[in-house]
Amino acid sequence: MRLLARCSALAALLAAVHAGEPAGWQQAIDRGLAALARLQQPDGAIGEGPGITALAGMAFLAGGHTPTRGQYAEQCRRALRYVLQSQDRARGYLGGGYGNMYAHGFATLFLAECYGMAPAEPIRAALEAAVDLIHRSQNQEGGWRYQPLPIDADVSVTICQVMALRAAWNVGIGGQASVEATARAIAYVRRCATGTGSFTYTAAGGGWGTEGPEGVPRAAAGAMTLIGAGVPIAGDPHLGPALRFLRRHLAGHLQGGHYFWYGQYYAAQAMFHSPDREDWERYWALAAPAILARQQPDGSWPGLEGPGPAYGTAMALIILQIPLQYLPIVQR
């Protein structure tokens, strides 16, 4: 009887948690994960290179499938093995082949999430080396750019490294060096703030993507840099305007704006972590149907700005599974 009562309580809890999800949400996730599994290559890669494979791996993790448990444990384990084998042992770099520091940031984040869910010494060693490379690659402004060299910086690449450092720090890797690197990154992102809630691509300013729906990817990246760095949210002079900017322009971007998946990936996280819980409710009511509508008959999502369906499917699944809060990096 006690077991039955516990099962009934669990069922009631799950029903309450997912009561607000749109019709077909779970079925779309199930079809998407199956499509992602079909895209995996014999060597464990999903899509091209360690960066896209890492995003696909995080899509499995976001559904509760880790390298050691779950329906897609084998696929997640093979993706992890591919990412580990892709690392440059001399430098710790994970952005070789099809990739750059974007790929390195996503792959480092994946390693940190895997290590937090299923600790293993090979993962820790690879993660430490990857974090060390991020430390070494930060430029004097406080940001990062495409190559693992401390030469240049932009907001778009910087957010990838900040989230990787945060995830690694959460599992005890990075230490004071990561704290200091993150503080410099905050200062860099603040210099890129336009004052209207968006962010310029570099601290020098200029360029496209600072107004209207076109500005969503960078506003979301700037907001999540601050959130991921642990900046106090209430009253922050740059995070507050960024969240207001997103509220105004997310609906337009969801209609098919520039850098759709990248922008929505960070916008979803920013809205989920907003101090105003209604931000997530409003966002989810718009975003979930828009993303579900883009799913293809085979269960995948188009890559849009990215390299093929592995990228689009991974991004869509990560966003759709945020309410599950399996991924430590998105947990409130």
C-alpha atoms as a PDB file:
ATOM      1  CA  MET A   1       0.000   0.000   0.000  1.00  0.00           C
ATOM      2  CA  ARG A   2       2.806   2.379   0.849  1.00  0.00           C
ATOM      3  CA  LEU A   3       4.487   1.644  -2.505  1.00  0.00           C
ATOM      4  CA  LEU A   4       1.202   2.293  -4.302  1.00  0.00           C
ATOM      5  CA  ALA A   5       0.808   5.566  -2.439  1.00  0.00           C
ATOM      6  CA  ARG A   6       4.333   6.654  -3.400  1.00  0.00           C
ATOM      7  CA  CYS A   7       3.714   5.775  -7.042  1.00  0.00           C
ATOM      8  CA  SER A   8       0.448   7.699  -7.015  1.00  0.00           C
ATOM      9  CA  ALA A   9       2.187  10.709  -5.461  1.00  0.00           C
ATOM     10  CA  LEU A  10       4.946  10.567  -8.091  1.00  0.00           C
ATOM     11  CA  ALA A  11       2.400  10.336 -10.887  1.00  0.00           C
ATOM     12  CA  ALA A  12       0.541  13.341  -9.471  1.00  0.00           C
ATOM     13  CA  LEU A  13       3.786  15.316  -9.225  1.00  0.00           C
ATOM     14  CA  LEU A  14       4.765  14.555 -12.820  1.00  0.00           C
ATOM     15  CA  ALA A  15       1.283  15.473 -14.010  1.00  0.00           C
ATOM     16  CA  ALA A  16       1.499  18.786 -12.179  1.00  0.00           C
ATOM     17  CA  VAL A  17       4.968  19.547 -13.547  1.00  0.00           C
ATOM     18  CA  HIS A  18       3.921  18.959 -17.165  1.00  0.00           C
ATOM     19  CA  ALA A  19       0.368  20.243 -16.990  1.00  0.00           C
ATOM     20  CA  GLY A  20       1.368  23.373 -18.895  1.00  0.00           C
ATOM     21  CA  GLU A  21       3.144  21.629 -21.764  1.00  0.00           C
ATOM     22  CA  PRO A  22       1.608  21.932 -25.243  1.00  0.00           C
ATOM     23  CA  ALA A  23      -0.208  19.068 -26.912  1.00  0.00           C
ATOM     24  CA  GLY A  24       2.179  16.648 -28.566  1.00  0.00           C
ATOM     25  CA  TRP A  25       5.185  17.917 -26.580  1.00  0.00           C
ATOM     26  CA  GLN A  26       6.333  14.540 -25.215  1.00  0.00           C
ATOM     27  CA  GLN A  27       5.647  12.764 -28.499  1.00  0.00           C
ATOM     28  CA  ALA A  28       7.726  15.341 -30.369  1.00  0.00           C
ATOM     29  CA  ILE A  29      10.597  14.854 -27.923  1.00  0.00           C
ATOM     30  CA  ASP A  30      10.418  11.083 -28.285  1.00  0.00           C
ATOM     31  CA  ARG A  31      10.472  11.342 -32.083  1.00  0.00           C
ATOM     32  CA  GLY A  32      13.298  13.872 -31.950  1.00  0.00           C
ATOM     33  CA  LEU A  33      15.517  11.733 -29.721  1.00  0.00           C
ATOM     34  CA  ALA A  34      14.922   8.742 -31.996  1.00  0.00           C
ATOM     35  CA  ALA A  35      15.869  10.869 -35.023  1.00  0.00           C
ATOM     36  CA  LEU A  36      19.025  12.072 -33.285  1.00  0.00           C
ATOM     37  CA  ALA A  37      19.992   8.482 -32.495  1.00  0.00           C
ATOM     38  CA  ARG A  38      19.578   7.553 -36.171  1.00  0.00           C
ATOM     39  CA  LEU A  39      21.961  10.364 -37.140  1.00  0.00           C
ATOM     40  CA  GLN A  40      24.794   8.917 -35.045  1.00  0.00           C
ATOM     41  CA  GLN A  41      27.712   7.626 -37.094  1.00  0.00           C
ATOM     42  CA  PRO A  42      29.684   4.424 -36.380  1.00  0.00           C
ATOM     43  CA  ASP A  43      32.469   6.399 -34.654  1.00  0.00           C
ATOM     44  CA  GLY A  44      29.961   8.014 -32.288  1.00  0.00           C
ATOM     45  CA  ALA A  45      29.834  11.414 -34.004  1.00  0.00           C
ATOM     46  CA  ILE A  46      26.448  13.057 -34.511  1.00  0.00           C
ATOM     47  CA  GLY A  47      26.668  15.668 -37.203  1.00  0.00           C
ATOM     48  CA  GLU A  48      30.102  17.125 -37.849  1.00  0.00           C
ATOM     49  CA  GLY A  49      32.808  17.366 -35.219  1.00  0.00           C
ATOM     50  CA  PRO A  50      32.906  17.399 -31.426  1.00  0.00           C
ATOM     51  CA  GLY A  51      30.872  20.600 -31.032  1.00  0.00           C
ATOM     52  CA  ILE A  52      27.703  19.341 -32.756  1.00  0.00           C
ATOM     53  CA  THR A  53      28.177  15.907 -31.208  1.00  0.00           C
ATOM     54  CA  ALA A  54      28.381  17.565 -27.789  1.00  0.00           C
ATOM     55  CA  LEU A  55      25.116  19.444 -28.392  1.00  0.00           C
ATOM     56  CA  ALA A  56      23.483  16.166 -29.424  1.00  0.00           C
ATOM     57  CA  GLY A  57      24.882  14.533 -26.300  1.00  0.00           C
ATOM     58  CA  MET A  58      23.379  17.319 -24.192  1.00  0.00           C
ATOM     59  CA  ALA A  59      20.025  16.719 -25.881  1.00  0.00           C
ATOM     60  CA  PHE A  60      20.160  13.135 -24.591  1.00  0.00           C
ATOM     61  CA  LEU A  61      21.248  14.323 -21.137  1.00  0.00           C
ATOM     62  CA  ALA A  62      18.389  16.839 -21.108  1.00  0.00           C
ATOM     63  CA  GLY A  63      15.976  13.914 -21.378  1.00  0.00           C
ATOM     64  CA  GLY A  64      17.583  12.042 -18.507  1.00  0.00           C
ATOM     65  CA  HIS A  65      19.650   9.724 -20.705  1.00  0.00           C
ATOM     66  CA  THR A  66      23.214   9.641 -19.346  1.00  0.00           C
ATOM     67  CA  PRO A  67      26.241   7.553 -20.392  1.00  0.00           C
ATOM     68  CA  THR A  68      25.264   5.025 -17.715  1.00  0.00           C
ATOM     69  CA  ARG A  69      21.465   4.914 -17.739  1.00  0.00           C
ATOM     70  CA  GLY A  70      18.368   5.588 -19.801  1.00  0.00           C
ATOM     71  CA  GLN A  71      16.990   4.436 -23.138  1.00  0.00           C
ATOM     72  CA  TYR A  72      19.744   6.303 -25.023  1.00  0.00           C
ATOM     73  CA  ALA A  73      22.625   5.505 -22.678  1.00  0.00           C
ATOM     74  CA  GLU A  74      24.546   3.763 -25.461  1.00  0.00           C
ATOM     75  CA  GLN A  75      24.184   6.709 -27.851  1.00  0.00           C
ATOM     76  CA  CYS A  76      25.220   9.158 -25.136  1.00  0.00           C
ATOM     77  CA  ARG A  77      28.188   6.982 -24.165  1.00  0.00           C
ATOM     78  CA  ARG A  78      29.368   6.766 -27.782  1.00  0.00           C
ATOM     79  CA  ALA A  79      28.994  10.532 -28.230  1.00  0.00           C
ATOM     80  CA  LEU A  80      31.053  11.088 -25.089  1.00  0.00           C
ATOM     81  CA  ARG A  81      33.735   8.706 -26.290  1.00  0.00           C
ATOM     82  CA  TYR A  82      33.901  10.528 -29.638  1.00  0.00           C
ATOM     83  CA  VAL A  83      34.301  13.911 -27.937  1.00  0.00           C
ATOM     84  CA  LEU A  84      37.028  12.557 -25.657  1.00  0.00           C
ATOM     85  CA  GLN A  85      38.888  11.033 -28.590  1.00  0.00           C
ATOM     86  CA  SER A  86      38.626  14.308 -30.528  1.00  0.00           C
ATOM     87  CA  GLN A  87      40.601  16.266 -27.942  1.00  0.00           C
ATOM     88  CA  ASP A  88      44.064  17.521 -28.813  1.00  0.00           C
ATOM     89  CA  ARG A  89      46.036  15.927 -25.984  1.00  0.00           C
ATOM     90  CA  ALA A  90      48.829  18.472 -26.151  1.00  0.00           C
ATOM     91  CA  ARG A  91      46.606  21.555 -25.858  1.00  0.00           C
ATOM     92  CA  GLY A  92      43.303  20.264 -24.505  1.00  0.00           C
ATOM     93  CA  TYR A  93      41.539  21.749 -27.541  1.00  0.00           C
ATOM     94  CA  LEU A  94      38.152  20.338 -28.577  1.00  0.00           C
ATOM     95  CA  GLY A  95      37.485  22.613 -31.540  1.00  0.00           C
ATOM     96  CA  GLY A  96      39.524  20.880 -34.219  1.00  0.00           C
ATOM     97  CA  GLY A  97      38.127  19.487 -37.458  1.00  0.00           C
ATOM     98  CA  TYR A  98      34.696  20.980 -38.067  1.00  0.00           C
ATOM     99  CA  GLY A  99      34.724  23.552 -35.308  1.00  0.00           C
ATOM    100  CA  ASN A 100      36.444  26.378 -33.460  1.00  0.00           C
ATOM    101  CA  MET A 101      36.038  27.916 -29.988  1.00  0.00           C
ATOM    102  CA  TYR A 102      32.260  27.581 -30.359  1.00  0.00           C
ATOM    103  CA  ALA A 103      32.774  23.834 -30.620  1.00  0.00           C
ATOM    104  CA  HIS A 104      35.282  23.879 -27.777  1.00  0.00           C
ATOM    105  CA  GLY A 105      32.831  25.684 -25.486  1.00  0.00           C
ATOM    106  CA  PHE A 106      29.949  23.323 -26.263  1.00  0.00           C
ATOM    107  CA  ALA A 107      32.176  20.247 -25.916  1.00  0.00           C
ATOM    108  CA  THR A 108      33.597  21.460 -22.589  1.00  0.00           C
ATOM    109  CA  LEU A 109      30.066  22.096 -21.328  1.00  0.00           C
ATOM    110  CA  PHE A 110      29.061  18.565 -22.359  1.00  0.00           C
ATOM    111  CA  LEU A 111      32.035  17.047 -20.545  1.00  0.00           C
ATOM    112  CA  ALA A 112      31.163  18.989 -17.398  1.00  0.00           C
ATOM    113  CA  GLU A 113      27.531  17.864 -17.501  1.00  0.00           C
ATOM    114  CA  CYS A 114      28.589  14.243 -18.099  1.00  0.00           C
ATOM    115  CA  TYR A 115      31.085  14.386 -15.266  1.00  0.00           C
ATOM    116  CA  GLY A 116      28.448  15.765 -12.913  1.00  0.00           C
ATOM    117  CA  MET A 117      26.016  12.970 -13.799  1.00  0.00           C
ATOM    118  CA  ALA A 118      28.460  10.064 -14.108  1.00  0.00           C
ATOM    119  CA  PRO A 119      31.934  10.950 -12.684  1.00  0.00           C
ATOM    120  CA  ALA A 120      34.880   9.154 -14.262  1.00  0.00           C
ATOM    121  CA  GLU A 121      38.587   9.984 -14.216  1.00  0.00           C
ATOM    122  CA  PRO A 122      39.047  10.161 -18.031  1.00  0.00           C
ATOM    123  CA  ILE A 123      36.263  12.756 -18.215  1.00  0.00           C
ATOM    124  CA  ARG A 124      37.779  14.783 -15.387  1.00  0.00           C
ATOM    125  CA  ALA A 125      41.230  14.830 -16.995  1.00  0.00           C
ATOM    126  CA  ALA A 126      39.800  15.924 -20.362  1.00  0.00           C
ATOM    127  CA  LEU A 127      37.625  18.547 -18.700  1.00  0.00           C
ATOM    128  CA  GLU A 128      40.542  19.997 -16.737  1.00  0.00           C
ATOM    129  CA  ALA A 129      42.591  20.293 -19.926  1.00  0.00           C
ATOM    130  CA  ALA A 130      39.680  21.903 -21.795  1.00  0.00           C
ATOM    131  CA  VAL A 131      39.113  24.441 -19.012  1.00  0.00           C
ATOM    132  CA  ASP A 132      42.827  25.268 -18.905  1.00  0.00           C
ATOM    133  CA  LEU A 133      42.702  26.048 -22.622  1.00  0.00           C
ATOM    134  CA  ILE A 134      39.760  28.413 -22.058  1.00  0.00           C
ATOM    135  CA  HIS A 135      41.772  30.213 -19.383  1.00  0.00           C
ATOM    136  CA  ARG A 136      44.771  30.557 -21.704  1.00  0.00           C
ATOM    137  CA  SER A 137      42.681  31.742 -24.655  1.00  0.00           C
ATOM    138  CA  GLN A 138      40.974  34.681 -22.944  1.00  0.00           C
ATOM    139  CA  ASN A 139      42.193  37.948 -24.424  1.00  0.00           C
ATOM    140  CA  GLN A 140      43.078  41.148 -22.582  1.00  0.00           C
ATOM    141  CA  GLU A 141      39.563  42.550 -23.074  1.00  0.00           C
ATOM    142  CA  GLY A 142      38.111  39.589 -21.176  1.00  0.00           C
ATOM    143  CA  GLY A 143      36.528  37.685 -24.062  1.00  0.00           C
ATOM    144  CA  TRP A 144      37.185  34.950 -26.586  1.00  0.00           C
ATOM    145  CA  ARG A 145      37.025  34.628 -30.379  1.00  0.00           C
ATOM    146  CA  TYR A 146      37.074  31.813 -32.923  1.00  0.00           C
ATOM    147  CA  GLN A 147      40.611  30.551 -32.382  1.00  0.00           C
ATOM    148  CA  PRO A 148      42.171  29.327 -29.106  1.00  0.00           C
ATOM    149  CA  LEU A 149      44.421  32.360 -28.939  1.00  0.00           C
ATOM    150  CA  PRO A 150      44.220  35.431 -26.651  1.00  0.00           C
ATOM    151  CA  ILE A 151      44.018  37.843 -29.579  1.00  0.00           C
ATOM    152  CA  ASP A 152      40.439  38.941 -30.202  1.00  0.00           C
ATOM    153  CA  ALA A 153      36.978  38.663 -28.660  1.00  0.00           C
ATOM    154  CA  ASP A 154      33.260  38.805 -29.402  1.00  0.00           C
ATOM    155  CA  VAL A 155      30.112  38.373 -27.317  1.00  0.00           C
ATOM    156  CA  SER A 156      28.872  35.365 -29.278  1.00  0.00           C
ATOM    157  CA  VAL A 157      31.898  33.143 -28.597  1.00  0.00           C
ATOM    158  CA  THR A 158      32.364  34.543 -25.094  1.00  0.00           C
ATOM    159  CA  ILE A 159      29.031  33.226 -23.815  1.00  0.00           C
ATOM    160  CA  CYS A 160      29.988  29.685 -24.884  1.00  0.00           C
ATOM    161  CA  GLN A 161      33.135  29.829 -22.769  1.00  0.00           C
ATOM    162  CA  VAL A 162      31.414  31.398 -19.751  1.00  0.00           C
ATOM    163  CA  MET A 163      28.774  28.662 -19.668  1.00  0.00           C
ATOM    164  CA  ALA A 164      31.479  25.996 -20.004  1.00  0.00           C
ATOM    165  CA  LEU A 165      33.455  27.522 -17.129  1.00  0.00           C
ATOM    166  CA  ARG A 166      30.303  27.732 -15.004  1.00  0.00           C
ATOM    167  CA  ALA A 167      29.395  24.087 -15.625  1.00  0.00           C
ATOM    168  CA  ALA A 168      32.942  22.954 -14.841  1.00  0.00           C
ATOM    169  CA  TRP A 169      33.061  25.101 -11.711  1.00  0.00           C
ATOM    170  CA  ASN A 170      29.803  23.491 -10.590  1.00  0.00           C
ATOM    171  CA  VAL A 171      31.566  20.101 -10.526  1.00  0.00           C
ATOM    172  CA  GLY A 172      34.684  21.409  -8.794  1.00  0.00           C
ATOM    173  CA  ILE A 173      36.946  22.160 -11.754  1.00  0.00           C
ATOM    174  CA  GLY A 174      38.511  25.497 -12.635  1.00  0.00           C
ATOM    175  CA  GLY A 175      38.977  27.008  -9.212  1.00  0.00           C
ATOM    176  CA  GLN A 176      40.102  30.586  -8.693  1.00  0.00           C
ATOM    177  CA  ALA A 177      41.332  30.877 -12.283  1.00  0.00           C
ATOM    178  CA  SER A 178      37.765  30.401 -13.517  1.00  0.00           C
ATOM    179  CA  VAL A 179      36.432  32.911 -10.994  1.00  0.00           C
ATOM    180  CA  GLU A 180      38.896  35.510 -12.263  1.00  0.00           C
ATOM    181  CA  ALA A 181      38.277  34.673 -15.929  1.00  0.00           C
ATOM    182  CA  THR A 182      34.536  34.993 -15.404  1.00  0.00           C
ATOM    183  CA  ALA A 183      34.922  38.382 -13.718  1.00  0.00           C
ATOM    184  CA  ARG A 184      36.900  39.637 -16.721  1.00  0.00           C
ATOM    185  CA  ALA A 185      34.246  38.232 -19.059  1.00  0.00           C
ATOM    186  CA  ILE A 186      31.516  40.133 -17.188  1.00  0.00           C
ATOM    187  CA  ALA A 187      33.453  43.360 -17.603  1.00  0.00           C
ATOM    188  CA  TYR A 188      33.892  42.664 -21.329  1.00  0.00           C
ATOM    189  CA  VAL A 189      30.205  41.953 -21.905  1.00  0.00           C
ATOM    190  CA  ARG A 190      29.217  45.096 -20.019  1.00  0.00           C
ATOM    191  CA  ARG A 191      31.407  47.133 -22.380  1.00  0.00           C
ATOM    192  CA  CYS A 192      29.464  45.645 -25.284  1.00  0.00           C
ATOM    193  CA  ALA A 193      26.072  46.733 -23.878  1.00  0.00           C
ATOM    194  CA  THR A 194      24.304  49.273 -26.086  1.00  0.00           C
ATOM    195  CA  GLY A 195      22.152  50.789 -23.366  1.00  0.00           C
ATOM    196  CA  THR A 196      18.959  49.610 -25.072  1.00  0.00           C
ATOM    197  CA  GLY A 197      19.183  46.019 -23.861  1.00  0.00           C
ATOM    198  CA  SER A 198      21.141  44.563 -26.746  1.00  0.00           C
ATOM    199  CA  PHE A 199      24.890  44.082 -27.184  1.00  0.00           C
ATOM    200  CA  THR A 200      27.343  44.900 -29.940  1.00  0.00           C
ATOM    201  CA  TYR A 201      29.289  42.026 -31.459  1.00  0.00           C
ATOM    202  CA  THR A 202      32.597  43.352 -30.161  1.00  0.00           C
ATOM    203  CA  ALA A 203      33.551  46.012 -27.638  1.00  0.00           C
ATOM    204  CA  ALA A 204      34.462  48.271 -30.565  1.00  0.00           C
ATOM    205  CA  GLY A 205      30.745  48.424 -31.402  1.00  0.00           C
ATOM    206  CA  GLY A 206      28.988  48.623 -34.736  1.00  0.00           C
ATOM    207  CA  GLY A 207      27.741  45.814 -36.922  1.00  0.00           C
ATOM    208  CA  TRP A 208      24.315  44.293 -37.431  1.00  0.00           C
ATOM    209  CA  GLY A 209      22.140  42.637 -34.867  1.00  0.00           C
ATOM    210  CA  THR A 210      21.502  45.232 -32.191  1.00  0.00           C
ATOM    211  CA  GLU A 211      17.895  46.215 -32.912  1.00  0.00           C
ATOM    212  CA  GLY A 212      14.553  44.415 -33.117  1.00  0.00           C
ATOM    213  CA  PRO A 213      14.239  40.647 -33.590  1.00  0.00           C
ATOM    214  CA  GLU A 214      17.687  40.649 -35.233  1.00  0.00           C
ATOM    215  CA  GLY A 215      19.137  41.660 -31.881  1.00  0.00           C
ATOM    216  CA  VAL A 216      17.712  38.683 -29.975  1.00  0.00           C
ATOM    217  CA  PRO A 217      20.702  36.313 -30.344  1.00  0.00           C
ATOM    218  CA  ARG A 218      23.150  38.841 -28.945  1.00  0.00           C
ATOM    219  CA  ALA A 219      20.795  40.128 -26.249  1.00  0.00           C
ATOM    220  CA  ALA A 220      20.220  36.539 -25.166  1.00  0.00           C
ATOM    221  CA  ALA A 221      23.956  35.795 -25.212  1.00  0.00           C
ATOM    222  CA  GLY A 222      24.695  38.898 -23.153  1.00  0.00           C
ATOM    223  CA  ALA A 223      21.933  38.120 -20.664  1.00  0.00           C
ATOM    224  CA  MET A 224      23.084  34.526 -20.200  1.00  0.00           C
ATOM    225  CA  THR A 225      26.723  35.596 -19.824  1.00  0.00           C
ATOM    226  CA  LEU A 226      25.662  37.678 -16.835  1.00  0.00           C
ATOM    227  CA  ILE A 227      23.307  35.024 -15.455  1.00  0.00           C
ATOM    228  CA  GLY A 228      25.834  32.241 -15.998  1.00  0.00           C
ATOM    229  CA  ALA A 229      28.493  34.320 -14.283  1.00  0.00           C
ATOM    230  CA  GLY A 230      26.313  34.641 -11.192  1.00  0.00           C
ATOM    231  CA  VAL A 231      25.592  38.356 -11.539  1.00  0.00           C
ATOM    232  CA  PRO A 232      22.807  39.460  -9.167  1.00  0.00           C
ATOM    233  CA  ILE A 233      19.722  39.807 -11.328  1.00  0.00           C
ATOM    234  CA  ALA A 234      17.570  42.346  -9.520  1.00  0.00           C
ATOM    235  CA  GLY A 235      18.387  45.847 -10.641  1.00  0.00           C
ATOM    236  CA  ASP A 236      21.456  44.956 -12.690  1.00  0.00           C
ATOM    237  CA  PRO A 237      22.006  47.838 -15.146  1.00  0.00           C
ATOM    238  CA  HIS A 238      22.637  45.566 -18.121  1.00  0.00           C
ATOM    239  CA  LEU A 239      20.755  42.362 -17.380  1.00  0.00           C
ATOM    240  CA  GLY A 240      17.488  44.160 -16.641  1.00  0.00           C
ATOM    241  CA  PRO A 241      17.423  45.976 -20.007  1.00  0.00           C
ATOM    242  CA  ALA A 242      18.474  42.754 -21.806  1.00  0.00           C
ATOM    243  CA  LEU A 243      15.518  40.862 -20.365  1.00  0.00           C
ATOM    244  CA  ARG A 244      13.171  43.701 -21.332  1.00  0.00           C
ATOM    245  CA  PHE A 245      14.638  43.677 -24.856  1.00  0.00           C
ATOM    246  CA  LEU A 246      13.966  39.946 -25.125  1.00  0.00           C
ATOM    247  CA  ARG A 247      10.380  40.355 -23.939  1.00  0.00           C
ATOM    248  CA  ARG A 248       9.769  42.893 -26.713  1.00  0.00           C
ATOM    249  CA  HIS A 249      11.371  41.025 -29.591  1.00  0.00           C
ATOM    250  CA  LEU A 250      11.264  37.268 -28.960  1.00  0.00           C
ATOM    251  CA  ALA A 251       7.947  36.822 -30.754  1.00  0.00           C
ATOM    252  CA  GLY A 252       9.419  38.372 -33.898  1.00  0.00           C
ATOM    253  CA  HIS A 253      12.540  36.226 -33.730  1.00  0.00           C
ATOM    254  CA  LEU A 254      10.468  33.060 -33.323  1.00  0.00           C
ATOM    255  CA  GLN A 255       8.962  33.740 -36.742  1.00  0.00           C
ATOM    256  CA  GLY A 256      12.319  32.874 -38.285  1.00  0.00           C
ATOM    257  CA  GLY A 257      14.944  35.403 -37.266  1.00  0.00           C
ATOM    258  CA  HIS A 258      18.677  35.366 -37.893  1.00  0.00           C
ATOM    259  CA  TYR A 259      20.625  32.662 -36.049  1.00  0.00           C
ATOM    260  CA  PHE A 260      17.368  31.116 -34.964  1.00  0.00           C
ATOM    261  CA  TRP A 261      18.626  28.156 -32.940  1.00  0.00           C
ATOM    262  CA  TYR A 262      21.554  29.953 -31.349  1.00  0.00           C
ATOM    263  CA  GLY A 263      19.326  32.844 -30.322  1.00  0.00           C
ATOM    264  CA  GLN A 264      16.552  30.642 -28.962  1.00  0.00           C
ATOM    265  CA  TYR A 265      19.008  28.366 -27.134  1.00  0.00           C
ATOM    266  CA  TYR A 266      20.206  31.263 -24.978  1.00  0.00           C
ATOM    267  CA  ALA A 267      16.893  33.134 -24.911  1.00  0.00           C
ATOM    268  CA  ALA A 268      15.125  30.078 -23.497  1.00  0.00           C
ATOM    269  CA  GLN A 269      17.685  29.792 -20.716  1.00  0.00           C
ATOM    270  CA  ALA A 270      17.521  33.517 -19.958  1.00  0.00           C
ATOM    271  CA  MET A 271      13.737  33.429 -19.719  1.00  0.00           C
ATOM    272  CA  PHE A 272      13.836  30.287 -17.572  1.00  0.00           C
ATOM    273  CA  HIS A 273      16.236  31.948 -15.114  1.00  0.00           C
ATOM    274  CA  SER A 274      14.567  35.362 -15.156  1.00  0.00           C
ATOM    275  CA  PRO A 275      13.588  36.687 -11.709  1.00  0.00           C
ATOM    276  CA  ASP A 276      10.095  37.184 -13.121  1.00  0.00           C
ATOM    277  CA  ARG A 277       8.697  33.657 -13.439  1.00  0.00           C
ATOM    278  CA  GLU A 278       6.071  34.965 -15.844  1.00  0.00           C
ATOM    279  CA  ASP A 279       8.873  35.541 -18.369  1.00  0.00           C
ATOM    280  CA  TRP A 280       9.225  31.796 -18.812  1.00  0.00           C
ATOM    281  CA  GLU A 281       5.474  31.223 -18.984  1.00  0.00           C
ATOM    282  CA  ARG A 282       5.070  33.889 -21.658  1.00  0.00           C
ATOM    283  CA  TYR A 283       8.097  32.639 -23.579  1.00  0.00           C
ATOM    284  CA  TRP A 284       7.056  28.985 -23.416  1.00  0.00           C
ATOM    285  CA  ALA A 285       3.546  29.772 -24.645  1.00  0.00           C
ATOM    286  CA  LEU A 286       5.113  31.292 -27.787  1.00  0.00           C
ATOM    287  CA  ALA A 287       8.236  29.197 -28.277  1.00  0.00           C
ATOM    288  CA  ALA A 288       7.034  25.656 -27.707  1.00  0.00           C
ATOM    289  CA  PRO A 289       4.371  25.702 -30.475  1.00  0.00           C
ATOM    290  CA  ALA A 290       6.749  27.519 -32.842  1.00  0.00           C
ATOM    291  CA  ILE A 291       9.486  24.931 -32.324  1.00  0.00           C
ATOM    292  CA  LEU A 292       7.107  21.975 -32.508  1.00  0.00           C
ATOM    293  CA  ALA A 293       5.776  23.326 -35.812  1.00  0.00           C
ATOM    294  CA  ARG A 294       9.257  23.154 -37.333  1.00  0.00           C
ATOM    295  CA  GLN A 295       9.694  19.431 -36.667  1.00  0.00           C
ATOM    296  CA  GLN A 296      10.080  17.390 -39.851  1.00  0.00           C
ATOM    297  CA  PRO A 297       8.139  14.176 -40.655  1.00  0.00           C
ATOM    298  CA  ASP A 298      11.179  12.059 -39.734  1.00  0.00           C
ATOM    299  CA  GLY A 299      11.313  13.621 -36.255  1.00  0.00           C
ATOM    300  CA  SER A 300      14.283  15.906 -36.911  1.00  0.00           C
ATOM    301  CA  TRP A 301      14.485  19.692 -37.084  1.00  0.00           C
ATOM    302  CA  PRO A 302      16.226  21.655 -39.884  1.00  0.00           C
ATOM    303  CA  GLY A 303      19.670  23.061 -39.171  1.00  0.00           C
ATOM    304  CA  LEU A 304      18.764  26.565 -40.386  1.00  0.00           C
ATOM    305  CA  GLU A 305      21.966  28.531 -39.584  1.00  0.00           C
ATOM    306  CA  GLY A 306      23.818  25.396 -38.494  1.00  0.00           C
ATOM    307  CA  PRO A 307      25.331  22.403 -40.285  1.00  0.00           C
ATOM    308  CA  GLY A 308      22.415  20.101 -40.924  1.00  0.00           C
ATOM    309  CA  PRO A 309      19.670  18.391 -38.954  1.00  0.00           C
ATOM    310  CA  ALA A 310      21.914  17.162 -36.129  1.00  0.00           C
ATOM    311  CA  TYR A 311      22.432  20.761 -35.038  1.00  0.00           C
ATOM    312  CA  GLY A 312      18.807  21.825 -35.379  1.00  0.00           C
ATOM    313  CA  THR A 313      17.493  18.667 -33.715  1.00  0.00           C
ATOM    314  CA  ALA A 314      19.900  18.940 -30.790  1.00  0.00           C
ATOM    315  CA  MET A 315      19.070  22.616 -30.208  1.00  0.00           C
ATOM    316  CA  ALA A 316      15.311  22.026 -30.449  1.00  0.00           C
ATOM    317  CA  LEU A 317      15.460  19.130 -28.003  1.00  0.00           C
ATOM    318  CA  ILE A 318      17.575  21.004 -25.457  1.00  0.00           C
ATOM    319  CA  ILE A 319      15.081  23.884 -25.495  1.00  0.00           C
ATOM    320  CA  LEU A 320      11.994  21.654 -25.367  1.00  0.00           C
ATOM    321  CA  GLN A 321      13.380  19.664 -22.429  1.00  0.00           C
ATOM    322  CA  ILE A 322      14.374  22.639 -20.256  1.00  0.00           C
ATOM    323  CA  PRO A 323      11.252  22.192 -18.077  1.00  0.00           C
ATOM    324  CA  LEU A 324      12.511  18.715 -17.106  1.00  0.00           C
ATOM    325  CA  GLN A 325      15.612  20.315 -15.505  1.00  0.00           C
ATOM    326  CA  TYR A 326      17.773  17.226 -15.943  1.00  0.00           C
ATOM    327  CA  LEU A 327      20.681  19.313 -17.233  1.00  0.00           C
ATOM    328  CA  PRO A 328      22.446  20.853 -14.212  1.00  0.00           C
ATOM    329  CA  ILE A 329      23.355  23.993 -16.176  1.00  0.00           C
ATOM    330  CA  VAL A 330      19.673  24.892 -16.685  1.00  0.00           C
ATOM    331  CA  GLN A 331      18.447  23.994 -13.208  1.00  0.00           C
ATOM    332  CA  ARG A 332      17.016  26.841 -11.177  1.00  0.00           C
END
